[in-house]
Amino acid sequence: MAALAHHPFDQPTFSFNNSSASGEPTQHSFYPYTDNGGSTLGIAGASFAILAGDTRLTSGYNILTRYAPKLFKIGGTGPDHKGSKIVLSVVGFAADGRALQERLVEGVVG
C-alpha cells in the first residue's frame, strides 16, 4: 500500500514549542484553509434524484453557523433558480465551494 501524502491537517497549524522532541528546530508555516466540514448525500433512481446536505459550518470544534447550505441550484430563472436542472453539492473549504457556485451560475446565466 502506498504511503499517505502529508496533509496540513495532520498536525496543528500553530505551536508554542520552538523545537521538536529531537531538539531540532521546528519550521512554522501559515495555512489559510480550513476544512469547514459537511455532509451531502445523493440517491438516484430511474426517474428521480434526491440530494440532501447538512447546513452546519464548522471550524475545528466550533460551529460558526447552522444555516450555511451545502447544495446550490445552478441555472434556471430568477433569484431562486426556478426550473434548474443542475444542483452543486460542496463540502470542505466553504469559500472554494461558494466561489465555484458563483462561477457556474455566471457561466450559465451570462
PDB file of N, CA and C in Angstrom:
ATOM      1  N   MET A   1       0.847  -1.178   0.000  1.00  0.00           N
ATOM      2  CA  MET A   1       0.000   0.000   0.000  1.00  0.00           C
ATOM      3  C   MET A   1       0.892   1.240   0.000  1.00  0.00           C
ATOM      4  N   ALA A   2       0.530   2.211  -0.788  1.00  0.00           N
ATOM      5  CA  ALA A   2       1.314   3.450  -0.879  1.00  0.00           C
ATOM      6  C   ALA A   2       1.174   4.264   0.402  1.00  0.00           C
ATOM      7  N   ALA A   3       2.221   4.959   0.743  1.00  0.00           N
ATOM      8  CA  ALA A   3       2.187   5.813   1.929  1.00  0.00           C
ATOM      9  C   ALA A   3       1.288   7.014   1.677  1.00  0.00           C
ATOM     10  N   LEU A   4       0.611   7.457   2.701  1.00  0.00           N
ATOM     11  CA  LEU A   4      -0.252   8.629   2.579  1.00  0.00           C
ATOM     12  C   LEU A   4       0.588   9.885   2.478  1.00  0.00           C
ATOM     13  N   ALA A   5       0.173  10.804   1.641  1.00  0.00           N
ATOM     14  CA  ALA A   5       0.885  12.078   1.492  1.00  0.00           C
ATOM     15  C   ALA A   5       0.658  12.939   2.729  1.00  0.00           C
ATOM     16  N   HIS A   6       1.627  13.784   3.052  1.00  0.00           N
ATOM     17  CA  HIS A   6       1.489  14.686   4.191  1.00  0.00           C
ATOM     18  C   HIS A   6       0.378  15.682   3.911  1.00  0.00           C
ATOM     19  N   HIS A   7      -0.456  15.892   4.871  1.00  0.00           N
ATOM     20  CA  HIS A   7      -1.563  16.833   4.743  1.00  0.00           C
ATOM     21  C   HIS A   7      -1.475  17.811   5.903  1.00  0.00           C
ATOM     22  N   PRO A   8      -1.730  19.099   5.674  1.00  0.00           N
ATOM     23  CA  PRO A   8      -1.614  20.099   6.737  1.00  0.00           C
ATOM     24  C   PRO A   8      -2.473  19.817   7.958  1.00  0.00           C
ATOM     25  N   PHE A   9      -3.567  19.055   7.805  1.00  0.00           N
ATOM     26  CA  PHE A   9      -4.425  18.778   8.943  1.00  0.00           C
ATOM     27  C   PHE A   9      -3.839  17.694   9.849  1.00  0.00           C
ATOM     28  N   ASP A  10      -2.717  17.065   9.448  1.00  0.00           N
ATOM     29  CA  ASP A  10      -2.109  16.017  10.245  1.00  0.00           C
ATOM     30  C   ASP A  10      -1.471  16.551  11.517  1.00  0.00           C
ATOM     31  N   GLN A  11      -1.222  17.836  11.575  1.00  0.00           N
ATOM     32  CA  GLN A  11      -0.590  18.424  12.745  1.00  0.00           C
ATOM     33  C   GLN A  11      -1.193  19.794  13.004  1.00  0.00           C
ATOM     34  N   PRO A  12      -1.010  20.320  14.206  1.00  0.00           N
ATOM     35  CA  PRO A  12      -1.576  21.639  14.500  1.00  0.00           C
ATOM     36  C   PRO A  12      -0.982  22.709  13.586  1.00  0.00           C
ATOM     37  N   THR A  13      -1.752  23.750  13.341  1.00  0.00           N
ATOM     38  CA  THR A  13      -1.270  24.839  12.491  1.00  0.00           C
ATOM     39  C   THR A  13      -0.480  25.867  13.280  1.00  0.00           C
ATOM     40  N   PHE A  14      -0.358  25.683  14.596  1.00  0.00           N
ATOM     41  CA  PHE A  14       0.439  26.584  15.413  1.00  0.00           C
ATOM     42  C   PHE A  14       1.105  25.781  16.520  1.00  0.00           C
ATOM     43  N   SER A  15       2.117  26.344  17.101  1.00  0.00           N
ATOM     44  CA  SER A  15       2.801  25.681  18.203  1.00  0.00           C
ATOM     45  C   SER A  15       3.523  26.721  19.026  1.00  0.00           C
ATOM     46  N   PHE A  16       3.589  26.486  20.331  1.00  0.00           N
ATOM     47  CA  PHE A  16       4.351  27.373  21.190  1.00  0.00           C
ATOM     48  C   PHE A  16       5.728  26.796  21.470  1.00  0.00           C
ATOM     49  N   ASN A  17       5.995  25.629  20.909  1.00  0.00           N
ATOM     50  CA  ASN A  17       7.290  24.977  21.045  1.00  0.00           C
ATOM     51  C   ASN A  17       8.262  25.529  20.018  1.00  0.00           C
ATOM     52  N   ASN A  18       9.483  25.745  20.398  1.00  0.00           N
ATOM     53  CA  ASN A  18      10.493  26.208  19.442  1.00  0.00           C
ATOM     54  C   ASN A  18      11.338  25.069  18.920  1.00  0.00           C
ATOM     55  N   SER A  19      11.165  23.875  19.435  1.00  0.00           N
ATOM     56  CA  SER A  19      11.938  22.745  18.948  1.00  0.00           C
ATOM     57  C   SER A  19      11.093  21.491  19.009  1.00  0.00           C
ATOM     58  N   SER A  20      11.487  20.507  18.219  1.00  0.00           N
ATOM     59  CA  SER A  20      10.765  19.246  18.209  1.00  0.00           C
ATOM     60  C   SER A  20      11.294  18.367  19.331  1.00  0.00           C
ATOM     61  N   ALA A  21      10.735  17.177  19.452  1.00  0.00           N
ATOM     62  CA  ALA A  21      11.143  16.257  20.508  1.00  0.00           C
ATOM     63  C   ALA A  21      12.616  15.878  20.382  1.00  0.00           C
ATOM     64  N   SER A  22      13.145  15.882  19.161  1.00  0.00           N
ATOM     65  CA  SER A  22      14.544  15.505  18.953  1.00  0.00           C
ATOM     66  C   SER A  22      15.494  16.672  19.169  1.00  0.00           C
ATOM     67  N   GLY A  23      14.958  17.852  19.488  1.00  0.00           N
ATOM     68  CA  GLY A  23      15.803  19.018  19.711  1.00  0.00           C
ATOM     69  C   GLY A  23      16.075  19.827  18.455  1.00  0.00           C
ATOM     70  N   GLU A  24      15.622  19.337  17.299  1.00  0.00           N
ATOM     71  CA  GLU A  24      15.806  20.054  16.036  1.00  0.00           C
ATOM     72  C   GLU A  24      14.834  21.236  15.970  1.00  0.00           C
ATOM     73  N   PRO A  25      15.214  22.326  15.295  1.00  0.00           N
ATOM     74  CA  PRO A  25      14.293  23.464  15.143  1.00  0.00           C
ATOM     75  C   PRO A  25      13.040  23.051  14.372  1.00  0.00           C
ATOM     76  N   THR A  26      11.919  23.641  14.741  1.00  0.00           N
ATOM     77  CA  THR A  26      10.653  23.367  14.079  1.00  0.00           C
ATOM     78  C   THR A  26      10.332  24.506  13.128  1.00  0.00           C
ATOM     79  N   GLN A  27       9.944  24.160  11.905  1.00  0.00           N
ATOM     80  CA  GLN A  27       9.550  25.178  10.934  1.00  0.00           C
ATOM     81  C   GLN A  27       8.059  25.427  11.075  1.00  0.00           C
ATOM     82  N   HIS A  28       7.681  26.683  11.231  1.00  0.00           N
ATOM     83  CA  HIS A  28       6.277  27.067  11.335  1.00  0.00           C
ATOM     84  C   HIS A  28       5.833  27.631   9.998  1.00  0.00           C
ATOM     85  N   SER A  29       4.578  27.377   9.648  1.00  0.00           N
ATOM     86  CA  SER A  29       4.061  27.900   8.384  1.00  0.00           C
ATOM     87  C   SER A  29       2.607  28.307   8.573  1.00  0.00           C
ATOM     88  N   PHE A  30       2.141  29.117   7.666  1.00  0.00           N
ATOM     89  CA  PHE A  30       0.770  29.602   7.687  1.00  0.00           C
ATOM     90  C   PHE A  30      -0.039  28.817   6.662  1.00  0.00           C
ATOM     91  N   TYR A  31      -1.161  28.255   7.052  1.00  0.00           N
ATOM     92  CA  TYR A  31      -2.050  27.525   6.150  1.00  0.00           C
ATOM     93  C   TYR A  31      -3.444  28.125   6.291  1.00  0.00           C
ATOM     94  N   PRO A  32      -3.884  28.951   5.316  1.00  0.00           N
ATOM     95  CA  PRO A  32      -5.121  29.722   5.479  1.00  0.00           C
ATOM     96  C   PRO A  32      -6.417  28.933   5.306  1.00  0.00           C
ATOM     97  N   TYR A  33      -6.346  27.711   4.800  1.00  0.00           N
ATOM     98  CA  TYR A  33      -7.561  26.953   4.524  1.00  0.00           C
ATOM     99  C   TYR A  33      -7.962  26.111   5.714  1.00  0.00           C
ATOM    100  N   THR A  34      -9.240  25.972   5.912  1.00  0.00           N
ATOM    101  CA  THR A  34      -9.751  25.123   6.977  1.00  0.00           C
ATOM    102  C   THR A  34     -10.830  24.225   6.397  1.00  0.00           C
ATOM    103  N   ASP A  35     -10.921  23.031   6.904  1.00  0.00           N
ATOM    104  CA  ASP A  35     -11.968  22.119   6.474  1.00  0.00           C
ATOM    105  C   ASP A  35     -13.209  22.472   7.274  1.00  0.00           C
ATOM    106  N   ASN A  36     -14.189  23.084   6.613  1.00  0.00           N
ATOM    107  CA  ASN A  36     -15.400  23.513   7.286  1.00  0.00           C
ATOM    108  C   ASN A  36     -16.413  22.387   7.446  1.00  0.00           C
ATOM    109  N   GLY A  37     -15.983  21.176   7.141  1.00  0.00           N
ATOM    110  CA  GLY A  37     -16.829  20.006   7.344  1.00  0.00           C
ATOM    111  C   GLY A  37     -18.017  19.960   6.414  1.00  0.00           C
ATOM    112  N   GLY A  38     -18.941  19.101   6.725  1.00  0.00           N
ATOM    113  CA  GLY A  38     -20.160  18.996   5.949  1.00  0.00           C
ATOM    114  C   GLY A  38     -20.389  17.603   5.424  1.00  0.00           C
ATOM    115  N   SER A  39     -21.644  17.321   5.146  1.00  0.00           N
ATOM    116  CA  SER A  39     -22.040  16.039   4.587  1.00  0.00           C
ATOM    117  C   SER A  39     -23.129  16.269   3.565  1.00  0.00           C
ATOM    118  N   THR A  40     -23.031  15.554   2.467  1.00  0.00           N
ATOM    119  CA  THR A  40     -24.104  15.562   1.477  1.00  0.00           C
ATOM    120  C   THR A  40     -24.354  14.120   1.059  1.00  0.00           C
ATOM    121  N   LEU A  41     -25.546  13.865   0.571  1.00  0.00           N
ATOM    122  CA  LEU A  41     -25.932  12.527   0.164  1.00  0.00           C
ATOM    123  C   LEU A  41     -26.794  12.636  -1.075  1.00  0.00           C
ATOM    124  N   GLY A  42     -26.545  11.775  -2.029  1.00  0.00           N
ATOM    125  CA  GLY A  42     -27.358  11.729  -3.237  1.00  0.00           C
ATOM    126  C   GLY A  42     -27.845  10.318  -3.501  1.00  0.00           C
ATOM    127  N   ILE A  43     -29.114  10.195  -3.842  1.00  0.00           N
ATOM    128  CA  ILE A  43     -29.705   8.906  -4.195  1.00  0.00           C
ATOM    129  C   ILE A  43     -30.449   9.104  -5.507  1.00  0.00           C
ATOM    130  N   ALA A  44     -30.211   8.221  -6.459  1.00  0.00           N
ATOM    131  CA  ALA A  44     -30.858   8.358  -7.765  1.00  0.00           C
ATOM    132  C   ALA A  44     -31.489   7.038  -8.183  1.00  0.00           C
ATOM    133  N   GLY A  45     -32.602   7.160  -8.861  1.00  0.00           N
ATOM    134  CA  GLY A  45     -33.291   6.001  -9.424  1.00  0.00           C
ATOM    135  C   GLY A  45     -33.513   6.250 -10.907  1.00  0.00           C
ATOM    136  N   ALA A  46     -34.300   5.419 -11.521  1.00  0.00           N
ATOM    137  CA  ALA A  46     -34.555   5.530 -12.956  1.00  0.00           C
ATOM    138  C   ALA A  46     -35.233   6.846 -13.325  1.00  0.00           C
ATOM    139  N   SER A  47     -36.109   7.344 -12.455  1.00  0.00           N
ATOM    140  CA  SER A  47     -36.849   8.558 -12.795  1.00  0.00           C
ATOM    141  C   SER A  47     -36.792   9.623 -11.706  1.00  0.00           C
ATOM    142  N   PHE A  48     -35.821   9.522 -10.800  1.00  0.00           N
ATOM    143  CA  PHE A  48     -35.744  10.530  -9.735  1.00  0.00           C
ATOM    144  C   PHE A  48     -34.313  10.670  -9.229  1.00  0.00           C
ATOM    145  N   ALA A  49     -34.055  11.774  -8.572  1.00  0.00           N
ATOM    146  CA  ALA A  49     -32.798  12.007  -7.860  1.00  0.00           C
ATOM    147  C   ALA A  49     -33.113  12.812  -6.611  1.00  0.00           C
ATOM    148  N   ILE A  50     -32.538  12.418  -5.494  1.00  0.00           N
ATOM    149  CA  ILE A  50     -32.729  13.120  -4.226  1.00  0.00           C
ATOM    150  C   ILE A  50     -31.352  13.516  -3.708  1.00  0.00           C
ATOM    151  N   LEU A  51     -31.205  14.789  -3.379  1.00  0.00           N
ATOM    152  CA  LEU A  51     -29.962  15.283  -2.797  1.00  0.00           C
ATOM    153  C   LEU A  51     -30.277  15.915  -1.452  1.00  0.00           C
ATOM    154  N   ALA A  52     -29.413  15.667  -0.483  1.00  0.00           N
ATOM    155  CA  ALA A  52     -29.589  16.253   0.844  1.00  0.00           C
ATOM    156  C   ALA A  52     -28.230  16.684   1.366  1.00  0.00           C
ATOM    157  N   GLY A  53     -28.229  17.741   2.154  1.00  0.00           N
ATOM    158  CA  GLY A  53     -26.983  18.208   2.742  1.00  0.00           C
ATOM    159  C   GLY A  53     -27.237  18.891   4.068  1.00  0.00           C
ATOM    160  N   ASP A  54     -26.268  18.802   4.961  1.00  0.00           N
ATOM    161  CA  ASP A  54     -26.421  19.491   6.238  1.00  0.00           C
ATOM    162  C   ASP A  54     -26.179  20.987   6.045  1.00  0.00           C
ATOM    163  N   THR A  55     -26.408  21.768   7.095  1.00  0.00           N
ATOM    164  CA  THR A  55     -26.259  23.218   6.980  1.00  0.00           C
ATOM    165  C   THR A  55     -25.307  23.796   8.019  1.00  0.00           C
ATOM    166  N   ARG A  56     -24.516  22.951   8.667  1.00  0.00           N
ATOM    167  CA  ARG A  56     -23.561  23.464   9.657  1.00  0.00           C
ATOM    168  C   ARG A  56     -22.257  23.868   8.998  1.00  0.00           C
ATOM    169  N   LEU A  57     -21.704  24.978   9.450  1.00  0.00           N
ATOM    170  CA  LEU A  57     -20.384  25.438   9.017  1.00  0.00           C
ATOM    171  C   LEU A  57     -19.507  25.436  10.259  1.00  0.00           C
ATOM    172  N   THR A  58     -18.465  24.613  10.256  1.00  0.00           N
ATOM    173  CA  THR A  58     -17.639  24.451  11.449  1.00  0.00           C
ATOM    174  C   THR A  58     -16.195  24.848  11.182  1.00  0.00           C
ATOM    175  N   SER A  59     -15.491  25.079  12.261  1.00  0.00           N
ATOM    176  CA  SER A  59     -14.047  25.290  12.237  1.00  0.00           C
ATOM    177  C   SER A  59     -13.514  24.623  13.500  1.00  0.00           C
ATOM    178  N   GLY A  60     -12.869  23.494  13.327  1.00  0.00           N
ATOM    179  CA  GLY A  60     -12.438  22.729  14.482  1.00  0.00           C
ATOM    180  C   GLY A  60     -13.656  22.235  15.246  1.00  0.00           C
ATOM    181  N   TYR A  61     -13.714  22.531  16.541  1.00  0.00           N
ATOM    182  CA  TYR A  61     -14.860  22.118  17.358  1.00  0.00           C
ATOM    183  C   TYR A  61     -15.911  23.221  17.480  1.00  0.00           C
ATOM    184  N   ASN A  62     -15.745  24.320  16.759  1.00  0.00           N
ATOM    185  CA  ASN A  62     -16.683  25.439  16.834  1.00  0.00           C
ATOM    186  C   ASN A  62     -17.688  25.379  15.694  1.00  0.00           C
ATOM    187  N   ILE A  63     -18.951  25.585  15.994  1.00  0.00           N
ATOM    188  CA  ILE A  63     -19.986  25.706  14.971  1.00  0.00           C
ATOM    189  C   ILE A  63     -20.144  27.191  14.692  1.00  0.00           C
ATOM    190  N   LEU A  64     -19.748  27.619  13.492  1.00  0.00           N
ATOM    191  CA  LEU A  64     -19.812  29.037  13.138  1.00  0.00           C
ATOM    192  C   LEU A  64     -21.235  29.457  12.798  1.00  0.00           C
ATOM    193  N   THR A  65     -21.977  28.597  12.119  1.00  0.00           N
ATOM    194  CA  THR A  65     -23.386  28.844  11.829  1.00  0.00           C
ATOM    195  C   THR A  65     -24.068  27.517  11.557  1.00  0.00           C
ATOM    196  N   ARG A  66     -25.350  27.485  11.773  1.00  0.00           N
ATOM    197  CA  ARG A  66     -26.140  26.290  11.475  1.00  0.00           C
ATOM    198  C   ARG A  66     -26.962  26.487  10.199  1.00  0.00           C
ATOM    199  N   TYR A  67     -26.701  27.574   9.467  1.00  0.00           N
ATOM    200  CA  TYR A  67     -27.522  27.911   8.304  1.00  0.00           C
ATOM    201  C   TYR A  67     -26.683  28.167   7.053  1.00  0.00           C
ATOM    202  N   ALA A  68     -25.651  27.376   6.819  1.00  0.00           N
ATOM    203  CA  ALA A  68     -24.818  27.502   5.620  1.00  0.00           C
ATOM    204  C   ALA A  68     -25.135  26.325   4.695  1.00  0.00           C
ATOM    205  N   PRO A  69     -25.834  26.561   3.597  1.00  0.00           N
ATOM    206  CA  PRO A  69     -26.229  25.446   2.728  1.00  0.00           C
ATOM    207  C   PRO A  69     -25.028  24.784   2.064  1.00  0.00           C
ATOM    208  N   LYS A  70     -25.180  23.509   1.729  1.00  0.00           N
ATOM    209  CA  LYS A  70     -24.151  22.758   1.013  1.00  0.00           C
ATOM    210  C   LYS A  70     -24.602  22.398  -0.407  1.00  0.00           C
ATOM    211  N   LEU A  71     -25.877  22.674  -0.724  1.00  0.00           N
ATOM    212  CA  LEU A  71     -26.435  22.391  -2.040  1.00  0.00           C
ATOM    213  C   LEU A  71     -26.856  23.696  -2.698  1.00  0.00           C
ATOM    214  N   PHE A  72     -26.480  23.855  -3.970  1.00  0.00           N
ATOM    215  CA  PHE A  72     -26.777  25.089  -4.696  1.00  0.00           C
ATOM    216  C   PHE A  72     -27.361  24.749  -6.065  1.00  0.00           C
ATOM    217  N   LYS A  73     -28.470  25.414  -6.419  1.00  0.00           N
ATOM    218  CA  LYS A  73     -29.049  25.253  -7.748  1.00  0.00           C
ATOM    219  C   LYS A  73     -28.217  26.041  -8.752  1.00  0.00           C
ATOM    220  N   ILE A  74     -27.998  25.451  -9.905  1.00  0.00           N
ATOM    221  CA  ILE A  74     -27.257  26.102 -10.989  1.00  0.00           C
ATOM    222  C   ILE A  74     -28.192  26.186 -12.188  1.00  0.00           C
ATOM    223  N   GLY A  75     -28.312  27.371 -12.778  1.00  0.00           N
ATOM    224  CA  GLY A  75     -29.192  27.553 -13.926  1.00  0.00           C
ATOM    225  C   GLY A  75     -30.575  27.972 -13.481  1.00  0.00           C
ATOM    226  N   GLY A  76     -31.549  27.776 -14.334  1.00  0.00           N
ATOM    227  CA  GLY A  76     -32.908  28.180 -14.037  1.00  0.00           C
ATOM    228  C   GLY A  76     -33.082  29.679 -14.215  1.00  0.00           C
ATOM    229  N   THR A  77     -34.222  30.176 -13.760  1.00  0.00           N
ATOM    230  CA  THR A  77     -34.522  31.599 -13.923  1.00  0.00           C
ATOM    231  C   THR A  77     -34.799  32.245 -12.582  1.00  0.00           C
ATOM    232  N   GLY A  78     -34.474  33.514 -12.484  1.00  0.00           N
ATOM    233  CA  GLY A  78     -34.747  34.290 -11.288  1.00  0.00           C
ATOM    234  C   GLY A  78     -33.771  34.007 -10.164  1.00  0.00           C
ATOM    235  N   PRO A  79     -33.935  34.766  -9.065  1.00  0.00           N
ATOM    236  CA  PRO A  79     -33.004  34.620  -7.944  1.00  0.00           C
ATOM    237  C   PRO A  79     -33.112  33.266  -7.232  1.00  0.00           C
ATOM    238  N   ASP A  80     -34.273  32.579  -7.373  1.00  0.00           N
ATOM    239  CA  ASP A  80     -34.418  31.261  -6.749  1.00  0.00           C
ATOM    240  C   ASP A  80     -34.111  30.125  -7.728  1.00  0.00           C
ATOM    241  N   HIS A  81     -33.633  30.467  -8.935  1.00  0.00           N
ATOM    242  CA  HIS A  81     -33.208  29.491  -9.961  1.00  0.00           C
ATOM    243  C   HIS A  81     -34.327  28.507 -10.310  1.00  0.00           C
ATOM    244  N   LYS A  82     -35.533  29.015 -10.458  1.00  0.00           N
ATOM    245  CA  LYS A  82     -36.690  28.173 -10.777  1.00  0.00           C
ATOM    246  C   LYS A  82     -36.460  27.424 -12.090  1.00  0.00           C
ATOM    247  N   GLY A  83     -36.733  26.139 -12.083  1.00  0.00           N
ATOM    248  CA  GLY A  83     -36.568  25.304 -13.267  1.00  0.00           C
ATOM    249  C   GLY A  83     -35.154  24.768 -13.438  1.00  0.00           C
ATOM    250  N   SER A  84     -34.317  24.956 -12.473  1.00  0.00           N
ATOM    251  CA  SER A  84     -32.937  24.479 -12.540  1.00  0.00           C
ATOM    252  C   SER A  84     -32.883  22.962 -12.661  1.00  0.00           C
ATOM    253  N   LYS A  85     -31.973  22.468 -13.499  1.00  0.00           N
ATOM    254  CA  LYS A  85     -31.794  21.024 -13.672  1.00  0.00           C
ATOM    255  C   LYS A  85     -30.473  20.551 -13.076  1.00  0.00           C
ATOM    256  N   ILE A  86     -29.669  21.481 -12.555  1.00  0.00           N
ATOM    257  CA  ILE A  86     -28.353  21.153 -12.014  1.00  0.00           C
ATOM    258  C   ILE A  86     -28.282  21.577 -10.556  1.00  0.00           C
ATOM    259  N   VAL A  87     -27.753  20.695  -9.709  1.00  0.00           N
ATOM    260  CA  VAL A  87     -27.527  21.015  -8.302  1.00  0.00           C
ATOM    261  C   VAL A  87     -26.067  20.716  -7.993  1.00  0.00           C
ATOM    262  N   LEU A  88     -25.390  21.690  -7.391  1.00  0.00           N
ATOM    263  CA  LEU A  88     -23.996  21.546  -6.983  1.00  0.00           C
ATOM    264  C   LEU A  88     -23.957  21.197  -5.507  1.00  0.00           C
ATOM    265  N   SER A  89     -23.197  20.179  -5.153  1.00  0.00           N
ATOM    266  CA  SER A  89     -23.025  19.756  -3.768  1.00  0.00           C
ATOM    267  C   SER A  89     -21.577  20.013  -3.374  1.00  0.00           C
ATOM    268  N   VAL A  90     -21.351  20.796  -2.308  1.00  0.00           N
ATOM    269  CA  VAL A  90     -19.985  21.121  -1.878  1.00  0.00           C
ATOM    270  C   VAL A  90     -19.815  20.900  -0.381  1.00  0.00           C
ATOM    271  N   VAL A  91     -18.657  20.376  -0.013  1.00  0.00           N
ATOM    272  CA  VAL A  91     -18.251  20.259   1.386  1.00  0.00           C
ATOM    273  C   VAL A  91     -16.766  20.578   1.460  1.00  0.00           C
ATOM    274  N   GLY A  92     -16.259  20.772   2.645  1.00  0.00           N
ATOM    275  CA  GLY A  92     -14.844  21.096   2.808  1.00  0.00           C
ATOM    276  C   GLY A  92     -14.660  22.576   3.061  1.00  0.00           C
ATOM    277  N   PHE A  93     -13.752  23.209   2.318  1.00  0.00           N
ATOM    278  CA  PHE A  93     -13.481  24.632   2.485  1.00  0.00           C
ATOM    279  C   PHE A  93     -14.619  25.428   1.851  1.00  0.00           C
ATOM    280  N   ALA A  94     -15.435  26.075   2.671  1.00  0.00           N
ATOM    281  CA  ALA A  94     -16.674  26.715   2.229  1.00  0.00           C
ATOM    282  C   ALA A  94     -16.457  27.792   1.173  1.00  0.00           C
ATOM    283  N   ALA A  95     -15.408  28.589   1.287  1.00  0.00           N
ATOM    284  CA  ALA A  95     -15.191  29.689   0.341  1.00  0.00           C
ATOM    285  C   ALA A  95     -14.932  29.161  -1.071  1.00  0.00           C
ATOM    286  N   ASP A  96     -14.224  28.048  -1.206  1.00  0.00           N
ATOM    287  CA  ASP A  96     -13.987  27.466  -2.531  1.00  0.00           C
ATOM    288  C   ASP A  96     -15.286  26.966  -3.151  1.00  0.00           C
ATOM    289  N   GLY A  97     -16.138  26.349  -2.344  1.00  0.00           N
ATOM    290  CA  GLY A  97     -17.426  25.873  -2.847  1.00  0.00           C
ATOM    291  C   GLY A  97     -18.305  27.012  -3.299  1.00  0.00           C
ATOM    292  N   ARG A  98     -18.321  28.086  -2.520  1.00  0.00           N
ATOM    293  CA  ARG A  98     -19.121  29.258  -2.871  1.00  0.00           C
ATOM    294  C   ARG A  98     -18.596  29.923  -4.149  1.00  0.00           C
ATOM    295  N   ALA A  99     -17.273  30.010  -4.283  1.00  0.00           N
ATOM    296  CA  ALA A  99     -16.674  30.602  -5.490  1.00  0.00           C
ATOM    297  C   ALA A  99     -17.011  29.763  -6.726  1.00  0.00           C
ATOM    298  N   LEU A 100     -16.963  28.442  -6.600  1.00  0.00           N
ATOM    299  CA  LEU A 100     -17.320  27.569  -7.723  1.00  0.00           C
ATOM    300  C   LEU A 100     -18.781  27.766  -8.098  1.00  0.00           C
ATOM    301  N   GLN A 101     -19.648  27.836  -7.108  1.00  0.00           N
ATOM    302  CA  GLN A 101     -21.064  28.055  -7.382  1.00  0.00           C
ATOM    303  C   GLN A 101     -21.289  29.366  -8.115  1.00  0.00           C
ATOM    304  N   GLU A 102     -20.639  30.438  -7.678  1.00  0.00           N
ATOM    305  CA  GLU A 102     -20.799  31.743  -8.332  1.00  0.00           C
ATOM    306  C   GLU A 102     -20.302  31.699  -9.765  1.00  0.00           C
ATOM    307  N   ARG A 103     -19.180  31.031 -10.022  1.00  0.00           N
ATOM    308  CA  ARG A 103     -18.659  30.934 -11.383  1.00  0.00           C
ATOM    309  C   ARG A 103     -19.564  30.122 -12.288  1.00  0.00           C
ATOM    310  N   LEU A 104     -20.109  29.022 -11.766  1.00  0.00           N
ATOM    311  CA  LEU A 104     -21.001  28.203 -12.576  1.00  0.00           C
ATOM    312  C   LEU A 104     -22.289  28.953 -12.905  1.00  0.00           C
ATOM    313  N   VAL A 105     -22.838  29.667 -11.944  1.00  0.00           N
ATOM    314  CA  VAL A 105     -24.045  30.461 -12.184  1.00  0.00           C
ATOM    315  C   VAL A 105     -23.758  31.530 -13.223  1.00  0.00           C
ATOM    316  N   GLU A 106     -22.602  32.187 -13.086  1.00  0.00           N
ATOM    317  CA  GLU A 106     -22.182  33.218 -14.038  1.00  0.00           C
ATOM    318  C   GLU A 106     -22.095  32.638 -15.456  1.00  0.00           C
ATOM    319  N   GLY A 107     -21.508  31.434 -15.583  1.00  0.00           N
ATOM    320  CA  GLY A 107     -21.338  30.801 -16.885  1.00  0.00           C
ATOM    321  C   GLY A 107     -22.659  30.376 -17.512  1.00  0.00           C
ATOM    322  N   VAL A 108     -23.620  29.935 -16.701  1.00  0.00           N
ATOM    323  CA  VAL A 108     -24.912  29.507 -17.212  1.00  0.00           C
ATOM    324  C   VAL A 108     -25.785  30.697 -17.551  1.00  0.00           C
ATOM    325  N   VAL A 109     -25.790  31.707 -16.695  1.00  0.00           N
ATOM    326  CA  VAL A 109     -26.648  32.879 -16.896  1.00  0.00           C
ATOM    327  C   VAL A 109     -26.027  33.839 -17.897  1.00  0.00           C
ATOM    328  N   GLY A 110     -24.706  34.097 -17.759  1.00  0.00           N
ATOM    329  CA  GLY A 110     -24.036  35.118 -18.569  1.00  0.00           C
ATOM    330  C   GLY A 110     -23.658  34.689 -19.900  1.00  0.00           C
TER     331      GLY A 110
END
